[in-house]
Amino acid sequence: MTYDSSAGQIVILNGAPRSGKSSIANAIQEHFDGPWMNLGVDTYNDMTPERYLPGIGLRPGGERPDLEEMVPFFYAALYESIAIHAGLGLNVVADLGHHDSYSRPLGILSDCARRLEGLPVLFVGVKCPIKVIMKRRNIPAPGRHTLYVRADEHDAVPHPVQLWQEQVHIPGIYDLEVDTSVLTPFECAEAIRQRLDLGIPEPSAFERIAAMR
């Protein structure tokens, strides 16, 4: 596909909580040329009313059907905002955790992909072994102590954590995958830079996902 040369680049980082997405986004903002706007889950949830949280960060399992009707609208609004930023020439990095394990399938990822049609999108799978994720979850994170389920003596890997690992990388269609257990955030960012320099694969991951029904 030929993209509008005046459009900003979009990088979507997809992975489980504590897989290292935010650190990669920070590395991109710090080291890449030009302005890179972070429109990820933390940014969006900061402006979401508390009674609708965890908003787009709603974890797999279908535990909150009362919130689910709003989640597709939240994602749609976020991706429309990403499209507007990129259309104005601003680069965007968004760290998210896409899944479709709600009380019923919502088809959010394919809808989001269609909203970025015609824009240059690199979809990156951020992988990390569950043992490493559990170690990270047990390290206190400022402002996030209530967000992460931690292991206890009876449950080495809590069920919600296991669900994230199983569901977040479905359907597993990416332009690039990185493993944060072996690469630093800077090294992941450099791998993304190299892929951007080579060009987004054709068809791109989002083009393939957008075609799914």
N, C-alpha and C. Protein backbone atom coordinates (compact mmCIF):
# COMPACT_ATOMS: atom_id res chain seq x y z
N MET A 1 0.84 -1.20 0.00
CA MET A 1 0.00 0.00 0.00
C MET A 1 0.87 1.25 0.00
N THR A 2 0.45 2.28 -0.75
CA THR A 2 1.14 3.56 -0.74
C THR A 2 0.49 4.46 0.30
N TYR A 3 1.32 4.97 1.22
CA TYR A 3 0.80 5.79 2.30
C TYR A 3 1.00 7.27 1.98
N ASP A 4 0.18 8.09 2.59
CA ASP A 4 0.33 9.54 2.49
C ASP A 4 1.68 9.92 3.07
N SER A 5 2.53 10.52 2.25
CA SER A 5 3.90 10.84 2.69
C SER A 5 3.92 11.87 3.80
N SER A 6 2.82 12.61 3.98
CA SER A 6 2.79 13.63 5.03
C SER A 6 2.29 13.06 6.36
N ALA A 7 1.83 11.81 6.36
CA ALA A 7 1.29 11.21 7.59
C ALA A 7 2.40 10.82 8.54
N GLY A 8 2.11 10.90 9.83
CA GLY A 8 3.04 10.43 10.83
C GLY A 8 3.04 8.92 10.89
N GLN A 9 4.13 8.38 11.45
CA GLN A 9 4.25 6.94 11.62
C GLN A 9 3.50 6.50 12.89
N ILE A 10 2.89 5.32 12.85
CA ILE A 10 2.19 4.77 14.01
C ILE A 10 2.83 3.45 14.39
N VAL A 11 3.15 3.31 15.66
CA VAL A 11 3.66 2.05 16.21
C VAL A 11 2.73 1.61 17.32
N ILE A 12 2.10 0.45 17.16
CA ILE A 12 1.23 -0.12 18.18
C ILE A 12 1.98 -1.26 18.86
N LEU A 13 2.20 -1.13 20.17
CA LEU A 13 2.86 -2.16 20.97
C LEU A 13 1.79 -2.97 21.69
N ASN A 14 1.74 -4.26 21.42
CA ASN A 14 0.69 -5.09 22.02
C ASN A 14 1.31 -6.18 22.89
N GLY A 15 0.86 -6.24 24.14
CA GLY A 15 1.39 -7.27 25.03
C GLY A 15 0.69 -7.23 26.38
N ALA A 16 1.02 -8.20 27.20
CA ALA A 16 0.42 -8.31 28.53
C ALA A 16 0.96 -7.22 29.46
N PRO A 17 0.24 -6.91 30.52
CA PRO A 17 0.79 -6.00 31.53
C PRO A 17 2.13 -6.49 32.06
N ARG A 18 3.05 -5.57 32.23
CA ARG A 18 4.40 -5.83 32.73
C ARG A 18 5.29 -6.56 31.74
N SER A 19 4.87 -6.58 30.49
CA SER A 19 5.73 -7.20 29.47
C SER A 19 6.82 -6.24 29.00
N GLY A 20 6.69 -4.97 29.35
CA GLY A 20 7.72 -4.00 28.99
C GLY A 20 7.32 -2.99 27.93
N LYS A 21 6.02 -2.93 27.61
CA LYS A 21 5.55 -2.03 26.55
C LYS A 21 5.83 -0.57 26.86
N SER A 22 5.51 -0.15 28.08
CA SER A 22 5.67 1.27 28.42
C SER A 22 7.12 1.70 28.35
N SER A 23 8.02 0.82 28.75
CA SER A 23 9.45 1.16 28.69
C SER A 23 9.92 1.30 27.25
N ILE A 24 9.40 0.47 26.36
CA ILE A 24 9.74 0.60 24.94
C ILE A 24 9.19 1.91 24.40
N ALA A 25 7.94 2.23 24.75
CA ALA A 25 7.34 3.49 24.29
C ALA A 25 8.18 4.68 24.76
N ASN A 26 8.64 4.63 26.00
CA ASN A 26 9.48 5.71 26.52
C ASN A 26 10.79 5.81 25.74
N ALA A 27 11.38 4.66 25.39
CA ALA A 27 12.63 4.65 24.63
C ALA A 27 12.42 5.25 23.24
N ILE A 28 11.29 4.94 22.63
CA ILE A 28 10.97 5.51 21.31
C ILE A 28 10.85 7.03 21.42
N GLN A 29 10.12 7.50 22.44
CA GLN A 29 9.95 8.94 22.60
C GLN A 29 11.29 9.64 22.85
N GLU A 30 12.18 8.97 23.55
CA GLU A 30 13.46 9.59 23.92
C GLU A 30 14.46 9.58 22.77
N HIS A 31 14.47 8.53 21.97
CA HIS A 31 15.57 8.34 21.03
C HIS A 31 15.20 8.52 19.56
N PHE A 32 13.93 8.45 19.20
CA PHE A 32 13.56 8.60 17.79
C PHE A 32 13.48 10.07 17.42
N ASP A 33 13.76 10.36 16.17
CA ASP A 33 13.67 11.74 15.69
C ASP A 33 12.22 12.21 15.65
N GLY A 34 12.02 13.49 15.87
CA GLY A 34 10.70 14.08 15.77
C GLY A 34 9.82 13.77 16.96
N PRO A 35 8.66 14.41 17.00
CA PRO A 35 7.74 14.19 18.13
C PRO A 35 7.02 12.85 18.00
N TRP A 36 7.07 12.05 19.06
CA TRP A 36 6.33 10.80 19.16
C TRP A 36 5.35 10.92 20.32
N MET A 37 4.07 10.94 20.00
CA MET A 37 3.04 11.10 21.01
C MET A 37 2.63 9.73 21.56
N ASN A 38 2.59 9.60 22.88
CA ASN A 38 2.21 8.34 23.51
C ASN A 38 0.71 8.36 23.79
N LEU A 39 -0.03 7.53 23.06
CA LEU A 39 -1.48 7.44 23.23
C LEU A 39 -1.87 6.03 23.66
N GLY A 40 -1.18 5.53 24.68
CA GLY A 40 -1.42 4.17 25.14
C GLY A 40 -2.45 4.06 26.24
N VAL A 41 -2.52 2.87 26.83
CA VAL A 41 -3.56 2.55 27.80
C VAL A 41 -3.48 3.45 29.04
N ASP A 42 -2.28 3.73 29.53
CA ASP A 42 -2.17 4.57 30.73
C ASP A 42 -2.66 5.98 30.46
N THR A 43 -2.27 6.54 29.31
CA THR A 43 -2.71 7.88 28.95
C THR A 43 -4.23 7.94 28.85
N TYR A 44 -4.81 6.94 28.18
CA TYR A 44 -6.26 6.95 27.98
C TYR A 44 -7.00 6.75 29.30
N ASN A 45 -6.51 5.85 30.13
CA ASN A 45 -7.19 5.60 31.40
C ASN A 45 -7.07 6.77 32.37
N ASP A 46 -6.03 7.60 32.19
CA ASP A 46 -5.90 8.79 33.05
C ASP A 46 -7.07 9.75 32.84
N MET A 47 -7.69 9.71 31.66
CA MET A 47 -8.81 10.62 31.41
C MET A 47 -10.15 9.90 31.40
N THR A 48 -10.15 8.62 31.78
CA THR A 48 -11.39 7.85 31.87
C THR A 48 -11.99 8.00 33.25
N PRO A 49 -13.29 8.29 33.38
CA PRO A 49 -13.91 8.40 34.71
C PRO A 49 -13.66 7.13 35.54
N GLU A 50 -13.41 7.32 36.81
CA GLU A 50 -13.02 6.21 37.67
C GLU A 50 -14.03 5.07 37.66
N ARG A 51 -15.32 5.41 37.56
CA ARG A 51 -16.33 4.35 37.62
C ARG A 51 -16.30 3.46 36.37
N TYR A 52 -15.59 3.90 35.32
CA TYR A 52 -15.48 3.08 34.11
C TYR A 52 -14.13 2.37 34.00
N LEU A 53 -13.28 2.52 35.00
CA LEU A 53 -11.99 1.84 34.99
C LEU A 53 -12.17 0.37 35.37
N PRO A 54 -11.33 -0.51 34.82
CA PRO A 54 -10.08 -0.24 34.10
C PRO A 54 -10.22 0.11 32.63
N GLY A 55 -11.40 0.42 32.15
CA GLY A 55 -11.57 0.91 30.79
C GLY A 55 -11.00 -0.03 29.75
N ILE A 56 -10.14 0.50 28.86
CA ILE A 56 -9.57 -0.34 27.81
C ILE A 56 -8.56 -1.33 28.38
N GLY A 57 -8.22 -1.19 29.64
CA GLY A 57 -7.33 -2.16 30.29
C GLY A 57 -8.07 -3.31 30.94
N LEU A 58 -9.37 -3.45 30.65
CA LEU A 58 -10.16 -4.54 31.22
C LEU A 58 -9.53 -5.88 30.86
N ARG A 59 -9.25 -6.66 31.87
CA ARG A 59 -8.49 -7.89 31.63
C ARG A 59 -9.37 -9.01 31.05
N PRO A 60 -8.74 -10.00 30.45
CA PRO A 60 -9.49 -11.13 29.90
C PRO A 60 -10.26 -11.88 30.98
N GLY A 61 -11.35 -12.51 30.56
CA GLY A 61 -12.09 -13.36 31.49
C GLY A 61 -13.57 -13.05 31.58
N GLY A 62 -14.00 -11.92 31.04
CA GLY A 62 -15.42 -11.59 31.06
C GLY A 62 -15.98 -11.32 32.44
N GLU A 63 -15.16 -10.74 33.33
CA GLU A 63 -15.58 -10.51 34.72
C GLU A 63 -16.47 -9.29 34.88
N ARG A 64 -16.42 -8.36 33.92
CA ARG A 64 -17.15 -7.11 34.07
C ARG A 64 -18.02 -6.82 32.85
N PRO A 65 -19.05 -7.64 32.63
CA PRO A 65 -19.93 -7.36 31.48
C PRO A 65 -20.60 -6.01 31.58
N ASP A 66 -20.69 -5.46 32.78
CA ASP A 66 -21.29 -4.14 32.95
C ASP A 66 -20.45 -3.05 32.30
N LEU A 67 -19.13 -3.29 32.17
CA LEU A 67 -18.25 -2.31 31.53
C LEU A 67 -18.03 -2.59 30.05
N GLU A 68 -18.28 -3.81 29.65
CA GLU A 68 -17.90 -4.23 28.31
C GLU A 68 -18.58 -3.43 27.20
N GLU A 69 -19.80 -2.99 27.43
CA GLU A 69 -20.49 -2.26 26.36
C GLU A 69 -19.78 -0.95 26.02
N MET A 70 -18.99 -0.42 26.97
CA MET A 70 -18.29 0.84 26.72
C MET A 70 -16.92 0.63 26.10
N VAL A 71 -16.33 -0.53 26.30
CA VAL A 71 -14.95 -0.75 25.86
C VAL A 71 -14.77 -0.54 24.35
N PRO A 72 -15.65 -1.07 23.49
CA PRO A 72 -15.47 -0.81 22.06
C PRO A 72 -15.52 0.67 21.70
N PHE A 73 -16.34 1.44 22.39
CA PHE A 73 -16.41 2.88 22.13
C PHE A 73 -15.13 3.58 22.59
N PHE A 74 -14.60 3.15 23.74
CA PHE A 74 -13.34 3.72 24.21
C PHE A 74 -12.23 3.46 23.19
N TYR A 75 -12.13 2.22 22.73
CA TYR A 75 -11.09 1.88 21.75
C TYR A 75 -11.30 2.63 20.44
N ALA A 76 -12.55 2.72 20.00
CA ALA A 76 -12.83 3.43 18.75
C ALA A 76 -12.39 4.89 18.85
N ALA A 77 -12.71 5.53 19.97
CA ALA A 77 -12.33 6.93 20.16
C ALA A 77 -10.81 7.08 20.22
N LEU A 78 -10.15 6.14 20.89
CA LEU A 78 -8.69 6.19 20.98
C LEU A 78 -8.07 6.07 19.59
N TYR A 79 -8.51 5.10 18.81
CA TYR A 79 -7.92 4.89 17.49
C TYR A 79 -8.26 6.01 16.52
N GLU A 80 -9.43 6.60 16.65
CA GLU A 80 -9.74 7.77 15.83
C GLU A 80 -8.79 8.92 16.18
N SER A 81 -8.46 9.04 17.46
CA SER A 81 -7.51 10.07 17.89
C SER A 81 -6.12 9.78 17.34
N ILE A 82 -5.72 8.50 17.36
CA ILE A 82 -4.43 8.12 16.77
C ILE A 82 -4.40 8.51 15.30
N ALA A 83 -5.50 8.21 14.60
CA ALA A 83 -5.57 8.53 13.17
C ALA A 83 -5.46 10.03 12.92
N ILE A 84 -6.10 10.83 13.76
CA ILE A 84 -6.05 12.28 13.60
C ILE A 84 -4.63 12.79 13.84
N HIS A 85 -3.98 12.30 14.90
CA HIS A 85 -2.60 12.72 15.17
C HIS A 85 -1.70 12.39 13.98
N ALA A 86 -1.79 11.14 13.50
CA ALA A 86 -0.93 10.74 12.38
C ALA A 86 -1.28 11.52 11.11
N GLY A 87 -2.56 11.78 10.89
CA GLY A 87 -2.98 12.53 9.72
C GLY A 87 -2.43 13.95 9.71
N LEU A 88 -2.17 14.48 10.89
CA LEU A 88 -1.59 15.82 11.01
C LEU A 88 -0.06 15.81 10.98
N GLY A 89 0.51 14.60 10.77
CA GLY A 89 1.96 14.50 10.65
C GLY A 89 2.69 14.17 11.93
N LEU A 90 1.95 13.90 13.01
CA LEU A 90 2.58 13.53 14.27
C LEU A 90 2.75 12.03 14.35
N ASN A 91 3.92 11.60 14.82
CA ASN A 91 4.16 10.17 15.04
C ASN A 91 3.47 9.74 16.33
N VAL A 92 3.00 8.50 16.36
CA VAL A 92 2.28 8.00 17.53
C VAL A 92 2.83 6.63 17.92
N VAL A 93 3.06 6.46 19.22
CA VAL A 93 3.34 5.14 19.79
C VAL A 93 2.26 4.86 20.82
N ALA A 94 1.67 3.68 20.77
CA ALA A 94 0.59 3.33 21.69
C ALA A 94 0.87 1.95 22.27
N ASP A 95 0.99 1.88 23.58
CA ASP A 95 1.21 0.59 24.25
C ASP A 95 -0.13 0.10 24.79
N LEU A 96 -0.58 -1.04 24.28
CA LEU A 96 -1.92 -1.54 24.55
C LEU A 96 -1.89 -3.04 24.84
N GLY A 97 -3.02 -3.55 25.29
CA GLY A 97 -3.17 -4.98 25.54
C GLY A 97 -4.45 -5.47 24.91
N HIS A 98 -4.42 -5.72 23.61
CA HIS A 98 -5.62 -6.17 22.89
C HIS A 98 -5.93 -7.63 23.20
N HIS A 99 -7.19 -7.92 23.43
CA HIS A 99 -7.65 -9.30 23.54
C HIS A 99 -9.13 -9.32 23.19
N ASP A 100 -9.69 -10.50 23.02
CA ASP A 100 -11.12 -10.60 22.74
C ASP A 100 -11.78 -11.59 23.69
N SER A 101 -11.18 -11.73 24.87
CA SER A 101 -11.71 -12.66 25.87
C SER A 101 -12.63 -11.93 26.85
N TYR A 102 -13.73 -11.41 26.31
CA TYR A 102 -14.76 -10.78 27.14
C TYR A 102 -15.87 -11.80 27.37
N SER A 103 -16.97 -11.38 27.95
CA SER A 103 -18.07 -12.32 28.16
C SER A 103 -18.65 -12.80 26.83
N ARG A 104 -18.38 -12.02 25.77
CA ARG A 104 -18.70 -12.40 24.40
C ARG A 104 -17.70 -11.70 23.50
N PRO A 105 -17.41 -12.26 22.33
CA PRO A 105 -16.44 -11.61 21.43
C PRO A 105 -16.92 -10.22 21.01
N LEU A 106 -16.00 -9.26 21.00
CA LEU A 106 -16.35 -7.90 20.63
C LEU A 106 -15.69 -7.45 19.33
N GLY A 107 -14.71 -8.19 18.85
CA GLY A 107 -14.07 -7.85 17.58
C GLY A 107 -13.41 -6.50 17.55
N ILE A 108 -12.82 -6.10 18.67
CA ILE A 108 -12.27 -4.75 18.79
C ILE A 108 -11.03 -4.55 17.92
N LEU A 109 -10.13 -5.52 17.90
CA LEU A 109 -8.87 -5.32 17.18
C LEU A 109 -9.08 -5.08 15.69
N SER A 110 -9.93 -5.87 15.06
CA SER A 110 -10.16 -5.69 13.63
C SER A 110 -10.84 -4.35 13.35
N ASP A 111 -11.74 -3.93 14.24
CA ASP A 111 -12.37 -2.62 14.08
C ASP A 111 -11.33 -1.51 14.20
N CYS A 112 -10.43 -1.63 15.16
CA CYS A 112 -9.38 -0.63 15.34
C CYS A 112 -8.46 -0.57 14.11
N ALA A 113 -8.13 -1.74 13.58
CA ALA A 113 -7.26 -1.78 12.40
C ALA A 113 -7.91 -1.06 11.23
N ARG A 114 -9.21 -1.24 11.06
CA ARG A 114 -9.90 -0.57 9.94
C ARG A 114 -9.91 0.94 10.12
N ARG A 115 -9.89 1.41 11.35
CA ARG A 115 -9.90 2.86 11.60
C ARG A 115 -8.57 3.53 11.22
N LEU A 116 -7.52 2.74 11.04
CA LEU A 116 -6.22 3.28 10.65
C LEU A 116 -5.89 2.97 9.19
N GLU A 117 -6.91 2.60 8.43
CA GLU A 117 -6.70 2.28 7.02
C GLU A 117 -6.07 3.45 6.28
N GLY A 118 -5.05 3.15 5.48
CA GLY A 118 -4.37 4.18 4.71
C GLY A 118 -3.25 4.88 5.43
N LEU A 119 -3.04 4.53 6.71
CA LEU A 119 -1.96 5.13 7.49
C LEU A 119 -0.87 4.09 7.74
N PRO A 120 0.39 4.53 7.88
CA PRO A 120 1.49 3.59 8.10
C PRO A 120 1.52 3.09 9.55
N VAL A 121 1.17 1.82 9.75
CA VAL A 121 1.08 1.24 11.09
C VAL A 121 2.01 0.05 11.20
N LEU A 122 2.88 0.06 12.19
CA LEU A 122 3.71 -1.10 12.52
C LEU A 122 3.13 -1.72 13.80
N PHE A 123 2.67 -2.96 13.69
CA PHE A 123 2.06 -3.66 14.81
C PHE A 123 3.11 -4.59 15.41
N VAL A 124 3.47 -4.32 16.67
CA VAL A 124 4.58 -5.02 17.33
C VAL A 124 4.07 -5.88 18.48
N GLY A 125 4.38 -7.15 18.43
CA GLY A 125 4.05 -8.04 19.54
C GLY A 125 5.16 -8.00 20.58
N VAL A 126 4.81 -7.58 21.79
CA VAL A 126 5.79 -7.49 22.88
C VAL A 126 5.64 -8.75 23.73
N LYS A 127 6.59 -9.65 23.59
CA LYS A 127 6.55 -10.94 24.26
C LYS A 127 7.44 -10.92 25.51
N CYS A 128 7.06 -11.76 26.49
CA CYS A 128 7.86 -11.91 27.69
C CYS A 128 7.40 -13.18 28.41
N PRO A 129 8.32 -14.07 28.80
CA PRO A 129 7.93 -15.29 29.51
C PRO A 129 7.19 -14.97 30.80
N ILE A 130 6.25 -15.83 31.16
CA ILE A 130 5.40 -15.55 32.31
C ILE A 130 6.20 -15.51 33.61
N LYS A 131 7.29 -16.26 33.71
CA LYS A 131 8.11 -16.22 34.92
C LYS A 131 8.72 -14.84 35.12
N VAL A 132 9.14 -14.23 34.03
CA VAL A 132 9.71 -12.88 34.12
C VAL A 132 8.63 -11.86 34.47
N ILE A 133 7.46 -12.03 33.87
CA ILE A 133 6.35 -11.13 34.17
C ILE A 133 5.98 -11.21 35.65
N MET A 134 5.96 -12.41 36.21
CA MET A 134 5.62 -12.54 37.63
C MET A 134 6.66 -11.85 38.52
N LYS A 135 7.93 -11.94 38.15
CA LYS A 135 8.95 -11.23 38.92
C LYS A 135 8.72 -9.72 38.88
N ARG A 136 8.35 -9.24 37.70
CA ARG A 136 8.10 -7.80 37.56
C ARG A 136 6.86 -7.38 38.32
N ARG A 137 5.83 -8.22 38.34
CA ARG A 137 4.60 -7.90 39.06
C ARG A 137 4.83 -7.81 40.56
N ASN A 138 5.81 -8.54 41.05
CA ASN A 138 6.08 -8.55 42.48
C ASN A 138 6.99 -7.40 42.91
N ILE A 139 7.44 -6.60 41.94
CA ILE A 139 8.22 -5.41 42.24
C ILE A 139 7.26 -4.23 42.33
N PRO A 140 7.24 -3.49 43.45
CA PRO A 140 6.31 -2.37 43.57
C PRO A 140 6.49 -1.36 42.44
N ALA A 141 5.37 -0.94 41.85
CA ALA A 141 5.39 0.06 40.79
C ALA A 141 4.64 1.29 41.29
N PRO A 142 5.30 2.45 41.37
CA PRO A 142 4.65 3.66 41.88
C PRO A 142 3.36 3.96 41.15
N GLY A 143 2.27 4.13 41.90
CA GLY A 143 0.98 4.48 41.32
C GLY A 143 0.23 3.31 40.74
N ARG A 144 0.83 2.09 40.79
CA ARG A 144 0.19 0.95 40.17
C ARG A 144 0.03 -0.23 41.13
N HIS A 145 0.17 0.02 42.41
CA HIS A 145 0.15 -1.08 43.36
C HIS A 145 -1.19 -1.80 43.41
N THR A 146 -2.25 -1.15 42.95
CA THR A 146 -3.56 -1.81 42.97
C THR A 146 -3.90 -2.44 41.61
N LEU A 147 -3.02 -2.28 40.62
CA LEU A 147 -3.35 -2.73 39.28
C LEU A 147 -2.92 -4.16 38.99
N TYR A 148 -1.85 -4.62 39.64
CA TYR A 148 -1.26 -5.87 39.24
C TYR A 148 -1.54 -6.97 40.26
N VAL A 149 -2.05 -8.10 39.77
CA VAL A 149 -2.23 -9.27 40.61
C VAL A 149 -0.87 -9.88 40.85
N ARG A 150 -0.55 -10.20 42.11
CA ARG A 150 0.74 -10.76 42.45
C ARG A 150 0.60 -12.21 42.89
N ALA A 151 1.71 -12.92 42.82
CA ALA A 151 1.71 -14.31 43.24
C ALA A 151 1.62 -14.39 44.76
N ASP A 152 1.06 -15.50 45.25
CA ASP A 152 1.10 -15.78 46.68
C ASP A 152 1.54 -17.22 46.86
N GLU A 153 1.60 -17.69 48.10
CA GLU A 153 2.15 -19.01 48.37
C GLU A 153 1.27 -20.12 47.81
N HIS A 154 0.01 -19.82 47.51
CA HIS A 154 -0.91 -20.84 47.01
C HIS A 154 -1.07 -20.81 45.50
N ASP A 155 -0.67 -19.72 44.88
CA ASP A 155 -0.96 -19.54 43.45
C ASP A 155 0.22 -18.84 42.79
N ALA A 156 1.19 -19.63 42.30
CA ALA A 156 2.43 -19.07 41.75
C ALA A 156 2.13 -18.17 40.55
N VAL A 157 1.17 -18.59 39.72
CA VAL A 157 0.75 -17.77 38.58
C VAL A 157 -0.75 -17.57 38.68
N PRO A 158 -1.21 -16.42 39.14
CA PRO A 158 -2.66 -16.18 39.26
C PRO A 158 -3.37 -16.36 37.92
N HIS A 159 -4.60 -16.81 38.00
CA HIS A 159 -5.36 -17.09 36.78
C HIS A 159 -5.47 -15.88 35.84
N PRO A 160 -5.72 -14.67 36.35
CA PRO A 160 -5.78 -13.52 35.43
C PRO A 160 -4.48 -13.30 34.66
N VAL A 161 -3.35 -13.55 35.30
CA VAL A 161 -2.06 -13.38 34.63
C VAL A 161 -1.91 -14.42 33.51
N GLN A 162 -2.30 -15.66 33.81
CA GLN A 162 -2.24 -16.71 32.82
C GLN A 162 -3.14 -16.40 31.63
N LEU A 163 -4.32 -15.85 31.92
CA LEU A 163 -5.24 -15.49 30.84
C LEU A 163 -4.65 -14.42 29.92
N TRP A 164 -4.01 -13.42 30.52
CA TRP A 164 -3.36 -12.40 29.70
C TRP A 164 -2.37 -13.04 28.75
N GLN A 165 -1.53 -13.94 29.27
CA GLN A 165 -0.52 -14.58 28.43
C GLN A 165 -1.16 -15.36 27.28
N GLU A 166 -2.28 -15.99 27.55
CA GLU A 166 -2.93 -16.83 26.55
C GLU A 166 -3.70 -16.02 25.51
N GLN A 167 -4.27 -14.90 25.93
CA GLN A 167 -5.23 -14.20 25.08
C GLN A 167 -4.68 -12.99 24.34
N VAL A 168 -3.66 -12.34 24.87
CA VAL A 168 -3.25 -11.05 24.32
C VAL A 168 -2.60 -11.17 22.94
N HIS A 169 -2.05 -12.32 22.63
CA HIS A 169 -1.38 -12.47 21.33
C HIS A 169 -2.20 -13.27 20.32
N ILE A 170 -3.50 -13.31 20.52
CA ILE A 170 -4.41 -13.88 19.52
C ILE A 170 -4.94 -12.74 18.64
N PRO A 171 -4.83 -12.81 17.32
CA PRO A 171 -4.49 -13.96 16.48
C PRO A 171 -3.00 -14.13 16.22
N GLY A 172 -2.15 -13.30 16.78
CA GLY A 172 -0.70 -13.47 16.60
C GLY A 172 -0.16 -12.96 15.29
N ILE A 173 -0.86 -12.04 14.66
CA ILE A 173 -0.41 -11.45 13.39
C ILE A 173 0.32 -10.15 13.71
N TYR A 174 1.63 -10.12 13.46
CA TYR A 174 2.44 -8.94 13.76
C TYR A 174 3.37 -8.63 12.59
N ASP A 175 3.84 -7.39 12.57
CA ASP A 175 4.90 -7.00 11.64
C ASP A 175 6.27 -7.28 12.25
N LEU A 176 6.32 -7.32 13.58
CA LEU A 176 7.57 -7.51 14.29
C LEU A 176 7.25 -8.02 15.69
N GLU A 177 8.09 -8.89 16.22
CA GLU A 177 7.96 -9.35 17.60
C GLU A 177 9.27 -9.09 18.33
N VAL A 178 9.16 -8.69 19.59
CA VAL A 178 10.34 -8.49 20.43
C VAL A 178 10.12 -9.22 21.75
N ASP A 179 11.22 -9.68 22.34
CA ASP A 179 11.17 -10.40 23.62
C ASP A 179 11.93 -9.56 24.65
N THR A 180 11.20 -9.01 25.59
CA THR A 180 11.81 -8.09 26.56
C THR A 180 12.58 -8.82 27.66
N SER A 181 12.55 -10.15 27.65
CA SER A 181 13.38 -10.89 28.62
C SER A 181 14.82 -10.99 28.14
N VAL A 182 15.04 -10.73 26.85
CA VAL A 182 16.40 -10.82 26.30
C VAL A 182 16.88 -9.50 25.70
N LEU A 183 15.95 -8.57 25.46
CA LEU A 183 16.31 -7.28 24.90
C LEU A 183 15.94 -6.16 25.87
N THR A 184 16.77 -5.15 25.97
CA THR A 184 16.45 -3.98 26.78
C THR A 184 15.41 -3.13 26.04
N PRO A 185 14.75 -2.20 26.74
CA PRO A 185 13.83 -1.31 26.03
C PRO A 185 14.48 -0.58 24.86
N PHE A 186 15.71 -0.13 25.06
CA PHE A 186 16.42 0.56 23.97
C PHE A 186 16.66 -0.37 22.80
N GLU A 187 17.05 -1.62 23.08
CA GLU A 187 17.28 -2.58 22.01
C GLU A 187 15.99 -2.91 21.26
N CYS A 188 14.89 -3.00 22.00
CA CYS A 188 13.59 -3.21 21.34
C CYS A 188 13.25 -2.03 20.44
N ALA A 189 13.49 -0.82 20.95
CA ALA A 189 13.23 0.37 20.14
C ALA A 189 14.09 0.39 18.89
N GLU A 190 15.34 -0.04 19.02
CA GLU A 190 16.22 -0.09 17.85
C GLU A 190 15.75 -1.11 16.83
N ALA A 191 15.23 -2.24 17.30
CA ALA A 191 14.67 -3.24 16.38
C ALA A 191 13.47 -2.65 15.63
N ILE A 192 12.67 -1.86 16.33
CA ILE A 192 11.53 -1.20 15.70
C ILE A 192 12.02 -0.16 14.69
N ARG A 193 13.04 0.59 15.05
CA ARG A 193 13.59 1.59 14.12
C ARG A 193 14.09 0.91 12.84
N GLN A 194 14.79 -0.19 13.00
CA GLN A 194 15.31 -0.90 11.83
C GLN A 194 14.19 -1.41 10.94
N ARG A 195 13.10 -1.91 11.56
CA ARG A 195 11.98 -2.39 10.76
C ARG A 195 11.33 -1.23 10.02
N LEU A 196 11.21 -0.08 10.67
CA LEU A 196 10.64 1.09 10.01
C LEU A 196 11.53 1.54 8.85
N ASP A 197 12.84 1.49 9.05
CA ASP A 197 13.77 1.89 7.98
C ASP A 197 13.65 0.96 6.78
N LEU A 198 13.42 -0.33 7.03
CA LEU A 198 13.27 -1.30 5.95
C LEU A 198 11.92 -1.17 5.26
N GLY A 199 10.95 -0.59 5.98
CA GLY A 199 9.60 -0.47 5.45
C GLY A 199 8.66 -1.47 6.09
N ILE A 200 7.41 -1.08 6.21
CA ILE A 200 6.39 -1.96 6.79
C ILE A 200 6.09 -3.08 5.79
N PRO A 201 6.03 -4.32 6.26
CA PRO A 201 5.74 -5.43 5.34
C PRO A 201 4.42 -5.21 4.60
N GLU A 202 4.33 -5.80 3.40
CA GLU A 202 3.10 -5.71 2.61
C GLU A 202 2.56 -7.11 2.34
N PRO A 203 1.31 -7.38 2.65
CA PRO A 203 0.41 -6.48 3.39
C PRO A 203 0.86 -6.38 4.85
N SER A 204 0.55 -5.27 5.47
CA SER A 204 0.91 -5.09 6.87
C SER A 204 0.02 -5.93 7.76
N ALA A 205 0.46 -6.09 9.01
CA ALA A 205 -0.34 -6.85 9.97
C ALA A 205 -1.73 -6.25 10.12
N PHE A 206 -1.80 -4.93 10.22
CA PHE A 206 -3.12 -4.30 10.41
C PHE A 206 -3.99 -4.44 9.16
N GLU A 207 -3.40 -4.44 7.98
CA GLU A 207 -4.18 -4.67 6.78
C GLU A 207 -4.78 -6.08 6.80
N ARG A 208 -4.00 -7.05 7.23
CA ARG A 208 -4.48 -8.42 7.31
C ARG A 208 -5.57 -8.56 8.38
N ILE A 209 -5.36 -7.91 9.52
CA ILE A 209 -6.34 -7.99 10.61
C ILE A 209 -7.63 -7.28 10.23
N ALA A 210 -7.51 -6.14 9.54
CA ALA A 210 -8.69 -5.38 9.13
C ALA A 210 -9.59 -6.20 8.22
N ALA A 211 -8.99 -7.13 7.48
CA ALA A 211 -9.76 -7.95 6.55
C ALA A 211 -10.50 -9.10 7.25
N MET A 212 -10.19 -9.32 8.53
CA MET A 212 -10.81 -10.40 9.27
C MET A 212 -12.20 -9.97 9.73
N ARG A 213 -13.13 -10.89 9.77
CA ARG A 213 -14.48 -10.59 10.23
C ARG A 213 -14.84 -11.54 11.38
